Amino acid sequence: MGTRSFTTLHDFLVALTTTPEGHVFLLLGNAIGALLSIALLSMTFVSFPLLLDRDVDFVTAMITSVRKGDRRPRQGDRGQPGGEAALTPRLGPFCRGNLKFMGEIM
């Protein structure tokens, strides 16, 4: 995509979906985003509950979280039973507020 500028969103989406540079941009963006998400998950998997439960500093909590994830990577797949079901309705107002705000900006 380089230093090319786009005048409309439609032009950008066309360039993103129909050109080889756009496809590379999408693939690299998704790969980098996935790596960042995995790194963030590995640092917060245990550290947030540990910070709430015990009196430890955040560096110790992050190191403990990464070590715990290295030893038992499949344990985090189970998660809290029903956690998603309890969290999803609470995210509704947040998502609606973001959509409204983004609509006002655009």
N, C-alpha and C. Protein backbone atom coordinates (compact mmCIF):
# COMPACT_ATOMS: atom_id res chain seq x y z
N MET A 1 0.83 -1.17 0.00
CA MET A 1 0.00 0.00 0.00
C MET A 1 0.89 1.25 0.00
N GLY A 2 2.06 1.15 0.58
CA GLY A 2 3.06 2.21 0.49
C GLY A 2 2.60 3.54 1.03
N THR A 3 2.96 4.59 0.31
CA THR A 3 2.63 5.96 0.73
C THR A 3 1.40 6.49 0.00
N ARG A 4 0.70 5.63 -0.65
CA ARG A 4 -0.49 6.01 -1.41
C ARG A 4 -1.60 6.48 -0.47
N SER A 5 -2.27 7.56 -0.83
CA SER A 5 -3.38 8.04 0.00
C SER A 5 -4.70 7.75 -0.72
N PHE A 6 -5.74 7.63 0.07
CA PHE A 6 -7.06 7.31 -0.47
C PHE A 6 -8.02 8.42 -0.10
N THR A 7 -8.85 8.81 -1.05
CA THR A 7 -9.78 9.91 -0.79
C THR A 7 -11.07 9.42 -0.14
N THR A 8 -11.46 8.18 -0.40
CA THR A 8 -12.69 7.67 0.19
C THR A 8 -12.41 6.29 0.81
N LEU A 9 -13.31 5.91 1.68
CA LEU A 9 -13.22 4.59 2.30
C LEU A 9 -13.39 3.50 1.25
N HIS A 10 -14.25 3.74 0.28
CA HIS A 10 -14.48 2.76 -0.78
C HIS A 10 -13.19 2.49 -1.57
N ASP A 11 -12.46 3.54 -1.91
CA ASP A 11 -11.19 3.36 -2.63
C ASP A 11 -10.20 2.53 -1.81
N PHE A 12 -10.15 2.80 -0.52
CA PHE A 12 -9.26 2.04 0.36
C PHE A 12 -9.66 0.56 0.41
N LEU A 13 -10.95 0.30 0.56
CA LEU A 13 -11.41 -1.09 0.64
C LEU A 13 -11.18 -1.83 -0.68
N VAL A 14 -11.36 -1.14 -1.79
CA VAL A 14 -11.11 -1.77 -3.10
C VAL A 14 -9.63 -2.12 -3.22
N ALA A 15 -8.75 -1.19 -2.86
CA ALA A 15 -7.31 -1.46 -2.92
C ALA A 15 -6.91 -2.56 -1.95
N LEU A 16 -7.56 -2.62 -0.81
CA LEU A 16 -7.23 -3.61 0.21
C LEU A 16 -7.63 -5.02 -0.23
N THR A 17 -8.75 -5.13 -0.91
CA THR A 17 -9.27 -6.47 -1.25
C THR A 17 -8.93 -6.94 -2.65
N THR A 18 -8.48 -6.06 -3.52
CA THR A 18 -8.25 -6.49 -4.90
C THR A 18 -6.81 -6.45 -5.36
N THR A 19 -5.92 -5.86 -4.59
CA THR A 19 -4.51 -5.77 -5.01
C THR A 19 -3.64 -6.72 -4.20
N PRO A 20 -2.54 -7.19 -4.77
CA PRO A 20 -1.62 -8.05 -4.02
C PRO A 20 -1.04 -7.35 -2.78
N GLU A 21 -0.79 -6.04 -2.89
CA GLU A 21 -0.28 -5.30 -1.74
C GLU A 21 -1.30 -5.27 -0.61
N GLY A 22 -2.57 -5.15 -0.98
CA GLY A 22 -3.63 -5.16 0.03
C GLY A 22 -3.72 -6.50 0.74
N HIS A 23 -3.57 -7.58 -0.03
CA HIS A 23 -3.61 -8.91 0.57
C HIS A 23 -2.44 -9.13 1.53
N VAL A 24 -1.25 -8.67 1.14
CA VAL A 24 -0.09 -8.78 2.02
C VAL A 24 -0.32 -7.95 3.28
N PHE A 25 -0.88 -6.76 3.12
CA PHE A 25 -1.19 -5.90 4.26
C PHE A 25 -2.14 -6.61 5.23
N LEU A 26 -3.18 -7.23 4.70
CA LEU A 26 -4.13 -7.95 5.55
C LEU A 26 -3.48 -9.13 6.26
N LEU A 27 -2.69 -9.91 5.52
CA LEU A 27 -2.04 -11.08 6.13
C LEU A 27 -1.04 -10.67 7.21
N LEU A 28 -0.20 -9.69 6.92
CA LEU A 28 0.78 -9.25 7.91
C LEU A 28 0.10 -8.62 9.12
N GLY A 29 -0.92 -7.82 8.87
CA GLY A 29 -1.64 -7.19 9.98
C GLY A 29 -2.29 -8.22 10.90
N ASN A 30 -2.90 -9.24 10.31
CA ASN A 30 -3.52 -10.28 11.13
C ASN A 30 -2.48 -11.10 11.88
N ALA A 31 -1.35 -11.41 11.22
CA ALA A 31 -0.30 -12.20 11.89
C ALA A 31 0.31 -11.42 13.05
N ILE A 32 0.60 -10.15 12.84
CA ILE A 32 1.18 -9.34 13.91
C ILE A 32 0.17 -9.17 15.04
N GLY A 33 -1.08 -8.94 14.70
CA GLY A 33 -2.11 -8.82 15.72
C GLY A 33 -2.28 -10.10 16.53
N ALA A 34 -2.19 -11.25 15.88
CA ALA A 34 -2.30 -12.52 16.59
C ALA A 34 -1.14 -12.71 17.55
N LEU A 35 0.07 -12.37 17.12
CA LEU A 35 1.24 -12.50 18.00
C LEU A 35 1.13 -11.57 19.21
N LEU A 36 0.68 -10.36 18.99
CA LEU A 36 0.50 -9.43 20.11
C LEU A 36 -0.58 -9.92 21.07
N SER A 37 -1.65 -10.49 20.52
CA SER A 37 -2.72 -11.01 21.37
C SER A 37 -2.25 -12.20 22.20
N ILE A 38 -1.47 -13.07 21.61
CA ILE A 38 -0.93 -14.22 22.35
C ILE A 38 0.00 -13.75 23.45
N ALA A 39 0.84 -12.76 23.16
CA ALA A 39 1.75 -12.23 24.19
C ALA A 39 0.96 -11.60 25.32
N LEU A 40 -0.07 -10.82 25.00
CA LEU A 40 -0.87 -10.18 26.03
C LEU A 40 -1.62 -11.21 26.87
N LEU A 41 -2.18 -12.22 26.22
CA LEU A 41 -2.88 -13.26 26.96
C LEU A 41 -1.94 -14.01 27.89
N SER A 42 -0.73 -14.30 27.42
CA SER A 42 0.19 -15.05 28.27
C SER A 42 0.64 -14.23 29.48
N MET A 43 0.66 -12.91 29.33
CA MET A 43 1.07 -12.07 30.47
C MET A 43 -0.08 -11.81 31.44
N THR A 44 -1.32 -11.85 30.97
CA THR A 44 -2.45 -11.52 31.84
C THR A 44 -3.26 -12.73 32.29
N PHE A 45 -2.91 -13.90 31.80
CA PHE A 45 -3.67 -15.12 32.08
C PHE A 45 -3.79 -15.37 33.58
N VAL A 46 -2.71 -15.23 34.30
CA VAL A 46 -2.69 -15.47 35.75
C VAL A 46 -2.45 -14.16 36.51
N SER A 47 -1.82 -13.19 35.86
CA SER A 47 -1.37 -12.01 36.60
C SER A 47 -2.52 -11.17 37.14
N PHE A 48 -3.60 -10.97 36.42
CA PHE A 48 -4.70 -10.16 36.94
C PHE A 48 -5.34 -10.78 38.17
N PRO A 49 -5.71 -12.07 38.12
CA PRO A 49 -6.25 -12.66 39.35
C PRO A 49 -5.23 -12.67 40.49
N LEU A 50 -3.96 -12.87 40.16
CA LEU A 50 -2.93 -12.89 41.20
C LEU A 50 -2.79 -11.51 41.85
N LEU A 51 -2.84 -10.46 41.05
CA LEU A 51 -2.75 -9.10 41.61
C LEU A 51 -3.94 -8.78 42.51
N LEU A 52 -5.10 -9.30 42.16
CA LEU A 52 -6.28 -9.05 42.99
C LEU A 52 -6.28 -9.88 44.26
N ASP A 53 -5.68 -11.07 44.21
CA ASP A 53 -5.74 -11.99 45.34
C ASP A 53 -4.59 -11.82 46.32
N ARG A 54 -3.40 -11.52 45.84
CA ARG A 54 -2.22 -11.47 46.70
C ARG A 54 -1.53 -10.12 46.60
N ASP A 55 -0.69 -9.83 47.56
CA ASP A 55 0.06 -8.58 47.57
C ASP A 55 1.40 -8.79 46.88
N VAL A 56 1.40 -8.73 45.53
CA VAL A 56 2.62 -8.89 44.74
C VAL A 56 2.70 -7.73 43.76
N ASP A 57 3.93 -7.45 43.29
CA ASP A 57 4.07 -6.41 42.28
C ASP A 57 3.72 -6.97 40.91
N PHE A 58 3.48 -6.06 39.95
CA PHE A 58 2.98 -6.51 38.65
C PHE A 58 4.02 -7.28 37.85
N VAL A 59 5.30 -7.00 38.04
CA VAL A 59 6.33 -7.73 37.29
C VAL A 59 6.35 -9.19 37.72
N THR A 60 6.30 -9.43 39.03
CA THR A 60 6.25 -10.80 39.55
C THR A 60 5.00 -11.51 39.05
N ALA A 61 3.88 -10.80 39.02
CA ALA A 61 2.63 -11.40 38.56
C ALA A 61 2.72 -11.78 37.08
N MET A 62 3.34 -10.93 36.25
CA MET A 62 3.47 -11.25 34.82
C MET A 62 4.42 -12.42 34.60
N ILE A 63 5.53 -12.45 35.33
CA ILE A 63 6.48 -13.56 35.20
C ILE A 63 5.80 -14.87 35.61
N THR A 64 5.04 -14.83 36.71
CA THR A 64 4.32 -16.03 37.16
C THR A 64 3.32 -16.47 36.10
N SER A 65 2.63 -15.52 35.49
CA SER A 65 1.64 -15.85 34.47
C SER A 65 2.28 -16.52 33.26
N VAL A 66 3.40 -16.01 32.79
CA VAL A 66 4.08 -16.60 31.63
C VAL A 66 4.59 -18.00 31.98
N ARG A 67 5.15 -18.16 33.16
CA ARG A 67 5.64 -19.48 33.57
C ARG A 67 4.50 -20.48 33.69
N LYS A 68 3.40 -20.06 34.26
CA LYS A 68 2.24 -20.95 34.40
C LYS A 68 1.70 -21.35 33.02
N GLY A 69 1.65 -20.41 32.09
CA GLY A 69 1.19 -20.73 30.74
C GLY A 69 2.13 -21.66 30.00
N ASP A 70 3.44 -21.56 30.28
CA ASP A 70 4.40 -22.45 29.63
C ASP A 70 4.26 -23.88 30.15
N ARG A 71 3.96 -24.02 31.44
CA ARG A 71 3.87 -25.36 32.02
C ARG A 71 2.58 -26.08 31.66
N ARG A 72 1.48 -25.34 31.62
CA ARG A 72 0.17 -25.95 31.34
C ARG A 72 -0.58 -25.13 30.30
N PRO A 73 -0.21 -25.22 29.05
CA PRO A 73 -0.85 -24.37 28.05
C PRO A 73 -2.32 -24.72 27.80
N ARG A 74 -2.72 -25.96 28.00
CA ARG A 74 -4.11 -26.35 27.72
C ARG A 74 -5.05 -25.99 28.86
N GLN A 75 -4.53 -25.67 30.03
CA GLN A 75 -5.39 -25.37 31.17
C GLN A 75 -6.22 -24.11 30.92
N GLY A 76 -5.66 -23.14 30.24
CA GLY A 76 -6.36 -21.89 29.98
C GLY A 76 -7.48 -22.01 28.97
N ASP A 77 -7.52 -23.10 28.23
CA ASP A 77 -8.58 -23.27 27.24
C ASP A 77 -9.94 -23.45 27.87
N ARG A 78 -9.98 -24.02 29.05
CA ARG A 78 -11.26 -24.29 29.70
C ARG A 78 -11.89 -23.02 30.23
N GLY A 79 -11.09 -22.16 30.84
CA GLY A 79 -11.61 -20.90 31.36
C GLY A 79 -12.59 -21.09 32.49
N GLN A 80 -13.28 -20.04 32.82
CA GLN A 80 -14.30 -20.09 33.86
C GLN A 80 -15.59 -20.60 33.25
N PRO A 81 -16.19 -21.66 33.82
CA PRO A 81 -17.44 -22.17 33.25
C PRO A 81 -18.52 -21.08 33.26
N GLY A 82 -19.08 -20.81 32.13
CA GLY A 82 -20.12 -19.80 32.03
C GLY A 82 -19.60 -18.38 32.05
N GLY A 83 -18.30 -18.20 32.01
CA GLY A 83 -17.72 -16.85 32.07
C GLY A 83 -18.11 -16.01 30.88
N GLU A 84 -18.10 -16.61 29.70
CA GLU A 84 -18.47 -15.87 28.51
C GLU A 84 -19.95 -15.50 28.55
N ALA A 85 -20.76 -16.42 29.01
CA ALA A 85 -22.20 -16.15 29.07
C ALA A 85 -22.51 -15.02 30.06
N ALA A 86 -21.74 -14.92 31.13
CA ALA A 86 -21.97 -13.86 32.10
C ALA A 86 -21.42 -12.53 31.62
N LEU A 87 -20.35 -12.55 30.84
CA LEU A 87 -19.71 -11.31 30.40
C LEU A 87 -20.37 -10.70 29.17
N THR A 88 -20.88 -11.50 28.29
CA THR A 88 -21.41 -11.01 27.02
C THR A 88 -22.52 -9.96 27.18
N PRO A 89 -23.54 -10.16 28.02
CA PRO A 89 -24.57 -9.11 28.15
C PRO A 89 -24.01 -7.80 28.70
N ARG A 90 -22.96 -7.87 29.48
CA ARG A 90 -22.38 -6.65 30.05
C ARG A 90 -21.61 -5.85 29.02
N LEU A 91 -21.19 -6.49 27.93
CA LEU A 91 -20.46 -5.78 26.89
C LEU A 91 -21.37 -5.05 25.92
N GLY A 92 -22.67 -5.35 25.93
CA GLY A 92 -23.61 -4.73 25.01
C GLY A 92 -23.61 -3.21 25.05
N PRO A 93 -23.80 -2.59 26.23
CA PRO A 93 -23.79 -1.11 26.27
C PRO A 93 -22.45 -0.52 25.82
N PHE A 94 -21.36 -1.18 26.15
CA PHE A 94 -20.04 -0.70 25.73
C PHE A 94 -19.93 -0.69 24.22
N CYS A 95 -20.35 -1.77 23.57
CA CYS A 95 -20.28 -1.86 22.11
C CYS A 95 -21.20 -0.85 21.45
N ARG A 96 -22.42 -0.69 21.98
CA ARG A 96 -23.35 0.29 21.41
C ARG A 96 -22.79 1.71 21.55
N GLY A 97 -22.17 2.00 22.71
CA GLY A 97 -21.58 3.32 22.90
C GLY A 97 -20.44 3.58 21.94
N ASN A 98 -19.61 2.57 21.71
CA ASN A 98 -18.51 2.73 20.75
C ASN A 98 -19.04 2.95 19.34
N LEU A 99 -20.06 2.19 18.94
CA LEU A 99 -20.61 2.35 17.60
C LEU A 99 -21.21 3.74 17.42
N LYS A 100 -21.91 4.23 18.45
CA LYS A 100 -22.50 5.56 18.37
C LYS A 100 -21.41 6.62 18.26
N PHE A 101 -20.36 6.48 19.08
CA PHE A 101 -19.26 7.44 19.06
C PHE A 101 -18.55 7.44 17.71
N MET A 102 -18.27 6.24 17.17
CA MET A 102 -17.60 6.16 15.88
C MET A 102 -18.48 6.72 14.77
N GLY A 103 -19.80 6.53 14.87
CA GLY A 103 -20.71 7.09 13.87
C GLY A 103 -20.70 8.61 13.88
N GLU A 104 -20.55 9.20 15.07
CA GLU A 104 -20.50 10.66 15.16
C GLU A 104 -19.20 11.22 14.62
N ILE A 105 -18.12 10.47 14.77
CA ILE A 105 -16.82 10.94 14.28
C ILE A 105 -16.77 10.88 12.76
N MET A 106 -17.25 9.77 12.21
CA MET A 106 -17.18 9.58 10.75
C MET A 106 -18.16 10.50 10.13
